Amino acid sequence: MLVAVLGGAAGNVAALDSALAEIDDRGIHTVLCTGNLAVGDSDGNRVIERLRERRVTCVQGEFDRFVVRALRKADSLRKRLTEAAFEAIVCAHESLASENVEYLRALPHRLTLSFEGKTICLCHGSVTSQGNALHADDSLEVFRRQREAANCDVIVCGSDVEAFVREIDTTLFVNPGRVDAVMGRAAFAVIDTDGVPAIGELVRVGC
């Protein structure tokens, strides 16, 4: 079975549409997303609406959580983030329809899914922390701790870091990268659950 994985769309509906079109062309019907949907470009509402229409399974990204808390936690966010990041979060909050803010609020931090006997842990950042991302060059020990925490065949993680595919002790780790991570290119990943272990592919298409 093929499963497509999207990273953060960051309000870029054009890149998202390009990725979804390629996913459709490949005949892939199951799509997952690691969150960070609205902060960045100006089309956060359309990104969320597109994902909802397509029934894409999403988890909450760190910036999704910040958007939801933009007013209630404004003082602490301002201290924690750069001024540019804080302004982008406030702008996203103000531009989003209330139903889309509630959608972001309701997204789970982590999901465990099963596809034809393979288990996939879908998260943002890492299995144990929404805010601490896994990186391709992290040590074997770091990956093994995440593997023990999830106990899944595939671990899909997000955050705005470079995309990677890495196999650790028969567990496949995949970070698809941001949907709009490459200038003029849309990004996503494909997981083939029929492989033993599962096989991951990073995909880049024009947009």
Protein backbone atom coordinates (compact mmCIF):
# COMPACT_ATOMS: atom_id res chain seq x y z
CA MET A 1 0.00 0.00 0.00
CA LEU A 2 1.24 3.48 -0.84
CA VAL A 3 0.79 6.32 1.66
CA ALA A 4 1.62 9.95 0.82
CA VAL A 5 2.94 12.26 3.52
CA LEU A 6 2.80 16.06 3.46
CA GLY A 7 4.83 18.36 5.67
CA GLY A 8 3.95 21.92 6.57
CA ALA A 9 2.03 23.73 3.84
CA ALA A 10 2.65 27.04 5.64
CA GLY A 11 -0.26 28.80 3.95
CA ASN A 12 1.01 28.01 0.43
CA VAL A 13 -2.03 26.55 -1.34
CA ALA A 14 -0.34 26.54 -4.77
CA ALA A 15 2.44 24.22 -3.56
CA LEU A 16 -0.13 22.08 -1.74
CA ASP A 17 -2.24 21.75 -4.88
CA SER A 18 0.82 20.73 -6.91
CA ALA A 19 1.71 18.05 -4.37
CA LEU A 20 -1.88 16.77 -4.24
CA ALA A 21 -2.08 16.65 -8.04
CA GLU A 22 1.04 14.50 -8.22
CA ILE A 23 -0.33 12.27 -5.44
CA ASP A 24 -3.53 11.85 -7.47
CA ASP A 25 -1.53 11.06 -10.61
CA ARG A 26 0.22 8.29 -8.70
CA GLY A 27 -3.13 6.85 -7.64
CA ILE A 28 -2.45 7.30 -3.92
CA HIS A 29 -5.60 7.63 -1.84
CA THR A 30 -4.23 7.76 1.72
CA VAL A 31 -2.62 11.09 2.64
CA LEU A 32 -1.14 12.16 5.98
CA CYS A 33 0.12 15.57 7.11
CA THR A 34 2.53 16.53 9.88
CA GLY A 35 1.00 19.97 10.61
CA ASN A 36 2.13 23.62 10.44
CA LEU A 37 -0.63 24.53 8.03
CA ALA A 38 -1.28 28.26 8.15
CA VAL A 39 1.72 30.37 9.21
CA GLY A 40 3.87 31.66 6.37
CA ASP A 41 2.09 32.44 3.13
CA SER A 42 -1.31 34.11 2.85
CA ASP A 43 -3.63 31.19 2.01
CA GLY A 44 -3.99 29.48 5.38
CA ASN A 45 -7.77 29.25 5.05
CA ARG A 46 -7.57 27.61 1.63
CA VAL A 47 -4.87 25.19 2.81
CA ILE A 48 -6.99 24.03 5.74
CA GLU A 49 -10.13 23.84 3.62
CA ARG A 50 -8.31 21.80 0.97
CA LEU A 51 -7.01 19.32 3.54
CA ARG A 52 -10.44 19.02 5.12
CA GLU A 53 -12.12 18.49 1.76
CA ARG A 54 -9.61 15.77 0.92
CA ARG A 55 -10.00 14.20 4.37
CA VAL A 56 -6.26 14.28 4.90
CA THR A 57 -5.28 12.92 8.31
CA CYS A 58 -3.35 15.67 10.14
CA VAL A 59 -1.64 16.19 13.45
CA GLN A 60 -1.14 19.58 15.07
CA GLY A 61 2.11 21.35 14.28
CA GLU A 62 3.95 23.57 16.74
CA PHE A 63 2.97 26.73 14.81
CA ASP A 64 -0.64 25.51 14.62
CA ARG A 65 -0.62 25.44 18.41
CA PHE A 66 0.87 28.94 18.53
CA VAL A 67 -1.85 30.23 16.18
CA VAL A 68 -4.57 28.82 18.43
CA ARG A 69 -2.97 30.51 21.45
CA ALA A 70 -2.05 33.76 19.68
CA LEU A 71 -4.29 35.98 21.81
CA ARG A 72 -4.39 34.11 25.11
CA LYS A 73 -0.63 33.51 25.22
CA ALA A 74 0.53 36.61 23.36
CA ASP A 75 2.99 37.80 26.03
CA SER A 76 4.74 34.45 26.42
CA LEU A 77 4.87 33.88 22.66
CA ARG A 78 6.38 37.31 22.08
CA LYS A 79 9.16 36.50 24.57
CA ARG A 80 9.77 33.05 23.09
CA LEU A 81 9.77 33.88 19.37
CA THR A 82 11.42 36.35 17.06
CA GLU A 83 9.37 39.44 16.30
CA ALA A 84 8.89 38.28 12.71
CA ALA A 85 7.64 34.86 13.80
CA PHE A 86 5.30 36.36 16.37
CA GLU A 87 3.83 38.79 13.83
CA ALA A 88 3.34 35.96 11.33
CA ILE A 89 1.43 33.94 13.94
CA VAL A 90 -0.80 36.88 14.86
CA CYS A 91 -1.43 37.59 11.17
CA ALA A 92 -2.40 33.95 10.57
CA HIS A 93 -4.72 33.96 13.58
CA GLU A 94 -6.45 37.15 12.45
CA SER A 95 -6.88 35.91 8.87
CA LEU A 96 -8.23 32.45 9.67
CA ALA A 97 -11.94 31.76 9.82
CA SER A 98 -13.05 30.80 13.33
CA GLU A 99 -13.94 27.29 12.18
CA ASN A 100 -10.41 26.83 10.87
CA VAL A 101 -8.88 28.00 14.15
CA GLU A 102 -11.08 25.44 15.91
CA TYR A 103 -9.93 22.80 13.42
CA LEU A 104 -6.30 23.52 14.36
CA ARG A 105 -7.20 23.44 18.05
CA ALA A 106 -8.79 20.00 17.74
CA LEU A 107 -5.92 18.33 15.88
CA PRO A 108 -4.13 15.64 17.93
CA HIS A 109 -0.44 15.97 18.78
CA ARG A 110 0.24 12.39 17.70
CA LEU A 111 -1.57 9.49 16.02
CA THR A 112 -0.85 5.80 15.61
CA LEU A 113 -2.36 4.40 12.42
CA SER A 114 -2.43 0.91 10.94
CA PHE A 115 -2.32 0.07 7.24
CA GLU A 116 -2.38 -3.55 6.12
CA GLY A 117 -0.44 -4.78 9.13
CA LYS A 118 2.05 -1.89 9.27
CA THR A 119 1.81 0.70 12.05
CA ILE A 120 2.64 4.35 11.40
CA CYS A 121 3.24 6.94 14.11
CA LEU A 122 2.34 10.39 12.77
CA CYS A 123 3.70 13.33 14.76
CA HIS A 124 5.17 16.81 14.51
CA GLY A 125 8.71 17.44 15.68
CA SER A 126 9.34 14.03 17.19
CA VAL A 127 7.47 11.24 18.96
CA THR A 128 8.22 12.65 22.41
CA SER A 129 8.05 16.40 21.72
CA GLN A 130 6.04 18.58 19.37
CA GLY A 131 8.69 21.30 19.57
CA ASN A 132 11.91 19.27 19.25
CA ALA A 133 12.48 18.09 15.70
CA LEU A 134 14.40 15.04 14.57
CA HIS A 135 17.20 15.76 12.11
CA ALA A 136 18.72 13.41 9.57
CA ASP A 137 22.14 13.57 11.23
CA ASP A 138 20.93 12.94 14.79
CA SER A 139 22.74 10.11 16.55
CA LEU A 140 21.63 6.49 16.41
CA GLU A 141 20.84 6.73 20.11
CA VAL A 142 18.40 9.62 19.53
CA PHE A 143 16.55 7.68 16.84
CA ARG A 144 16.43 4.53 18.95
CA ARG A 145 14.85 6.44 21.84
CA GLN A 146 12.14 7.68 19.47
CA ARG A 147 11.67 4.15 18.14
CA GLU A 148 11.20 2.81 21.68
CA ALA A 149 8.70 5.57 22.49
CA ALA A 150 6.52 4.82 19.45
CA ASN A 151 7.06 1.10 18.84
CA CYS A 152 5.84 1.43 15.22
CA ASP A 153 7.04 0.18 11.85
CA VAL A 154 7.16 3.73 10.45
CA ILE A 155 7.62 7.04 12.26
CA VAL A 156 6.60 10.14 10.30
CA CYS A 157 7.81 13.39 11.85
CA GLY A 158 7.48 17.01 10.82
CA SER A 159 8.78 20.53 11.62
CA ASP A 160 10.60 22.90 9.28
CA VAL A 161 13.79 20.87 8.90
CA GLU A 162 15.39 19.28 5.86
CA ALA A 163 13.52 16.26 4.51
CA PHE A 164 15.02 12.84 5.13
CA VAL A 165 14.40 9.10 5.03
CA ARG A 166 16.36 6.94 7.46
CA GLU A 167 16.03 3.30 8.50
CA ILE A 168 16.91 2.42 12.09
CA ASP A 169 16.66 -1.20 13.27
CA THR A 170 13.89 -2.07 10.76
CA THR A 171 11.92 1.11 11.66
CA LEU A 172 11.58 3.65 8.84
CA PHE A 173 11.81 7.34 9.80
CA VAL A 174 10.41 9.85 7.30
CA ASN A 175 10.33 13.63 7.35
CA PRO A 176 8.76 14.93 4.11
CA GLY A 177 10.00 18.49 4.61
CA ARG A 178 7.81 21.52 4.06
CA VAL A 179 5.44 21.29 1.12
CA ASP A 180 7.00 24.49 -0.27
CA ALA A 181 10.53 23.70 0.95
CA VAL A 182 12.23 24.14 -2.45
CA MET A 183 11.80 27.30 -4.53
CA GLY A 184 9.39 26.54 -7.33
CA ARG A 185 9.01 22.93 -6.24
CA ALA A 186 6.38 21.17 -4.13
CA ALA A 187 7.52 18.46 -1.73
CA PHE A 188 6.05 15.34 -0.16
CA ALA A 189 7.04 11.77 0.64
CA VAL A 190 5.67 8.37 -0.32
CA ILE A 191 5.78 5.32 1.94
CA ASP A 192 5.41 1.81 0.50
CA THR A 193 4.12 -0.31 3.38
CA ASP A 194 4.57 -3.54 1.40
CA GLY A 195 8.33 -3.41 1.85
CA VAL A 196 10.05 -5.27 4.71
CA PRO A 197 10.91 -2.89 6.21
CA ALA A 198 8.71 -0.18 4.66
CA ILE A 199 10.29 1.93 1.91
CA GLY A 200 10.30 5.74 1.78
CA GLU A 201 10.73 8.08 -1.19
CA LEU A 202 11.09 11.87 -1.20
CA VAL A 203 9.27 13.54 -4.11
CA ARG A 204 9.72 17.01 -5.62
CA VAL A 205 7.41 18.36 -8.37
CA GLY A 206 7.08 21.71 -10.12
CA CYS A 207 4.44 24.18 -8.98
